[in-house]
Amino acid sequence: RTSLAEFSLIVSNLLNTLRDSHTAIDYGQLLDLQFAAGGYYMPLSLELSQASDSNRILIANDWEERISPGSELLAINGIAKEKLLKRAMDYACIEGDAEDARKNVAVSILTICAGLKVAYQSTNQVKVVDYITGDTLELTVRGYQRKEFYKERARRYQVLHPNPVQLKLDSLNNLAILEVSTFAPSSS
């Protein structure tokens, strides 16, 4: 019998043949599959190095702020970054044949895709080359269960967006301006 995680990989491979970014797997639902299987969320944000000849995957941030931003990821739970990236590439849907764009998408979803293959635990080992010291470090990173993940994500959002609705008064022009934060970029 095929599991939902295995089926999602089959569907993703099918969608990748279309080469249309509008038909992609919902990556949030992949995270839900991970939680449903008893897995934890790995609180790392990753990005691909901007050097044109580089395959380095960098830590943009981690929720516990234990890893220096810019540190290079080498492995998670003993699985090399190349193997993790290969898995994520299977799920990354993009427009056309832009492999660089596909790799960027894969890096951004790497922790979710890797957790489908081998579920994260409450503690996980992350191997990095520290950006500041250049030392190779093996760090323990806490995993988050579903409920604590959503609670922490909401808390972090509130810190970044403390007041999504603001009322401003322009007494010079006798105006009241209501600013509402949205997902759309500002015009300025």
Protein backbone atom coordinates (compact mmCIF):
# COMPACT_ATOMS: atom_id res chain seq x y z
CA ARG A 1 0.00 0.00 0.00
CA THR A 2 1.30 3.45 -0.95
CA SER A 3 1.55 6.03 1.85
CA LEU A 4 0.36 9.63 1.38
CA ALA A 5 3.97 10.81 1.45
CA GLU A 6 4.91 8.35 -1.33
CA PHE A 7 1.82 9.31 -3.31
CA SER A 8 2.66 13.02 -2.98
CA LEU A 9 6.08 12.29 -4.50
CA ILE A 10 4.45 10.47 -7.43
CA VAL A 11 2.06 13.40 -8.00
CA SER A 12 4.89 15.91 -7.69
CA ASN A 13 6.92 14.07 -10.33
CA LEU A 14 3.88 14.11 -12.61
CA LEU A 15 3.35 17.84 -12.02
CA ASN A 16 7.02 18.51 -12.75
CA THR A 17 6.56 17.12 -16.26
CA LEU A 18 4.09 19.96 -16.93
CA ARG A 19 6.77 22.60 -16.23
CA ASP A 20 4.10 24.95 -14.88
CA SER A 21 4.60 26.58 -11.47
CA HIS A 22 0.84 27.05 -11.10
CA THR A 23 0.40 23.30 -10.77
CA ALA A 24 2.49 22.33 -7.78
CA ILE A 25 2.21 20.34 -4.60
CA ASP A 26 0.99 22.38 -1.61
CA TYR A 27 4.15 22.40 0.50
CA GLY A 28 2.16 23.25 3.64
CA GLN A 29 0.24 20.00 3.19
CA LEU A 30 3.56 18.15 3.00
CA LEU A 31 4.35 19.57 6.42
CA ASP A 32 0.95 18.35 7.65
CA LEU A 33 1.82 14.86 6.35
CA GLN A 34 5.03 15.02 8.34
CA PHE A 35 3.10 15.96 11.50
CA ALA A 36 0.48 13.26 10.87
CA ALA A 37 3.24 10.65 10.80
CA GLY A 38 4.40 11.80 14.25
CA GLY A 39 7.23 13.92 12.89
CA TYR A 40 8.44 17.27 14.09
CA TYR A 41 9.12 20.56 12.30
CA MET A 42 12.78 21.45 11.74
CA PRO A 43 12.99 25.22 12.47
CA LEU A 44 15.62 26.12 9.87
CA SER A 45 15.28 28.56 6.98
CA LEU A 46 17.69 27.77 4.18
CA GLU A 47 18.90 29.60 1.09
CA LEU A 48 21.19 28.81 -1.79
CA SER A 49 24.52 30.66 -1.86
CA GLN A 50 24.43 33.51 -4.36
CA ALA A 51 27.86 32.59 -5.77
CA SER A 52 27.17 31.44 -9.33
CA ASP A 53 29.40 28.38 -9.15
CA SER A 54 28.28 27.31 -5.68
CA ASN A 55 26.07 24.49 -4.47
CA ARG A 56 26.39 25.67 -0.90
CA ILE A 57 23.21 25.66 1.15
CA LEU A 58 23.25 28.34 3.80
CA ILE A 59 21.33 28.75 7.05
CA ALA A 60 19.29 31.97 6.75
CA ASN A 61 18.04 31.59 10.33
CA ASP A 62 16.98 29.12 12.96
CA TRP A 63 14.28 29.72 15.53
CA GLU A 64 16.58 29.24 18.50
CA GLU A 65 19.29 31.49 17.01
CA ARG A 66 22.01 28.94 17.78
CA ILE A 67 23.39 28.79 14.24
CA SER A 68 25.09 31.86 12.76
CA PRO A 69 23.21 33.11 9.68
CA GLY A 70 25.31 32.35 6.60
CA SER A 71 26.66 29.08 8.03
CA GLU A 72 26.86 26.29 5.46
CA LEU A 73 24.64 23.26 5.96
CA LEU A 74 26.50 19.95 5.62
CA ALA A 75 24.02 17.39 6.97
CA ILE A 76 20.85 16.85 8.98
CA ASN A 77 20.66 13.78 11.20
CA GLY A 78 23.65 12.30 9.40
CA ILE A 79 22.15 12.69 5.91
CA ALA A 80 24.39 14.71 3.58
CA LYS A 81 23.00 17.93 2.11
CA GLU A 82 23.38 16.55 -1.44
CA LYS A 83 21.02 13.69 -0.67
CA LEU A 84 18.59 16.04 1.07
CA LEU A 85 18.67 18.42 -1.91
CA LYS A 86 18.08 15.58 -4.37
CA ARG A 87 14.95 14.61 -2.43
CA ALA A 88 13.69 18.21 -2.37
CA MET A 89 14.35 18.60 -6.12
CA ASP A 90 11.78 15.85 -6.72
CA TYR A 91 9.12 18.07 -5.11
CA ALA A 92 10.17 21.47 -6.49
CA CYS A 93 7.82 22.62 -9.25
CA ILE A 94 8.81 25.59 -11.39
CA GLU A 95 7.96 27.25 -14.68
CA GLY A 96 9.82 25.92 -17.72
CA ASP A 97 13.36 24.56 -17.56
CA ALA A 98 14.92 27.08 -15.18
CA GLU A 99 17.05 24.73 -13.10
CA ASP A 100 18.48 27.52 -10.93
CA ALA A 101 14.94 28.57 -9.98
CA ARG A 102 14.01 24.96 -9.31
CA LYS A 103 17.05 24.54 -7.08
CA ASN A 104 16.10 27.69 -5.13
CA VAL A 105 12.60 26.31 -4.56
CA ALA A 106 14.08 22.94 -3.54
CA VAL A 107 16.37 24.58 -0.99
CA SER A 108 13.45 26.52 0.50
CA ILE A 109 11.41 23.31 0.99
CA LEU A 110 14.35 21.01 1.77
CA THR A 111 13.62 20.60 5.48
CA ILE A 112 9.97 19.71 4.82
CA CYS A 113 10.80 17.17 2.09
CA ALA A 114 13.61 15.55 4.08
CA GLY A 115 11.25 15.13 7.03
CA LEU A 116 8.89 13.08 4.88
CA LYS A 117 11.58 10.48 4.21
CA VAL A 118 12.97 10.29 7.74
CA ALA A 119 10.76 12.07 10.27
CA TYR A 120 12.42 14.63 12.51
CA GLN A 121 12.45 13.96 16.23
CA SER A 122 12.24 16.24 19.27
CA THR A 123 16.02 16.70 18.95
CA ASN A 124 17.99 16.56 15.70
CA GLN A 125 21.64 16.83 14.72
CA VAL A 126 22.62 19.54 12.26
CA LYS A 127 26.16 19.69 10.91
CA VAL A 128 27.34 23.09 9.65
CA VAL A 129 30.43 25.09 8.83
CA ASP A 130 30.06 28.11 11.10
CA TYR A 131 30.01 31.39 9.19
CA ILE A 132 31.91 33.31 11.86
CA THR A 133 34.61 30.84 12.96
CA GLY A 134 34.85 28.53 9.95
CA ASP A 135 34.68 25.55 12.33
CA THR A 136 32.64 22.46 11.51
CA LEU A 137 29.99 22.13 14.22
CA GLU A 138 27.50 19.40 15.10
CA LEU A 139 24.58 21.09 16.85
CA THR A 140 21.42 19.75 18.43
CA VAL A 141 18.35 21.50 17.04
CA ARG A 142 14.98 21.15 18.72
CA GLY A 143 12.05 19.89 16.66
CA TYR A 144 8.53 21.31 17.06
CA GLN A 145 5.36 19.22 17.19
CA ARG A 146 2.30 20.44 15.29
CA LYS A 147 0.66 22.42 18.10
CA GLU A 148 3.85 24.06 19.33
CA PHE A 149 4.91 24.79 15.73
CA TYR A 150 1.73 26.75 14.95
CA LYS A 151 1.87 28.54 18.31
CA GLU A 152 5.52 29.57 17.82
CA ARG A 153 4.96 30.57 14.19
CA ALA A 154 2.07 32.83 15.27
CA ARG A 155 4.21 34.35 18.04
CA ARG A 156 7.06 35.03 15.61
CA TYR A 157 4.64 36.62 13.13
CA GLN A 158 3.35 38.96 15.86
CA VAL A 159 6.92 40.04 16.65
CA LEU A 160 7.58 40.84 12.99
CA HIS A 161 4.13 42.39 12.39
CA PRO A 162 3.06 43.80 15.77
CA ASN A 163 0.17 45.93 14.54
CA PRO A 164 -1.37 44.82 11.22
CA VAL A 165 -3.97 47.62 11.30
CA GLN A 166 -2.97 51.22 11.99
CA LEU A 167 -5.04 54.37 12.04
CA LYS A 168 -3.15 57.56 11.14
CA LEU A 169 -4.58 61.04 11.29
CA ASP A 170 -3.51 63.73 8.84
CA SER A 171 -4.76 66.91 10.52
CA LEU A 172 -3.22 69.12 7.82
CA ASN A 173 -5.49 67.59 5.14
CA ASN A 174 -8.26 66.60 7.56
CA LEU A 175 -7.89 62.91 6.67
CA ALA A 176 -7.91 59.62 8.51
CA ILE A 177 -5.76 56.89 6.91
CA LEU A 178 -6.31 53.24 7.76
CA GLU A 179 -3.26 51.10 6.90
CA VAL A 180 -3.80 47.35 6.73
CA SER A 181 -0.88 44.95 6.31
CA THR A 182 -1.35 42.48 3.49
CA PHE A 183 0.78 39.94 1.69
CA ALA A 184 1.12 42.34 -1.24
CA PRO A 185 4.36 44.33 -1.45
CA SER A 186 4.13 48.02 -0.68
CA SER A 187 4.32 50.51 -3.52
CA SER A 188 7.21 52.43 -1.93
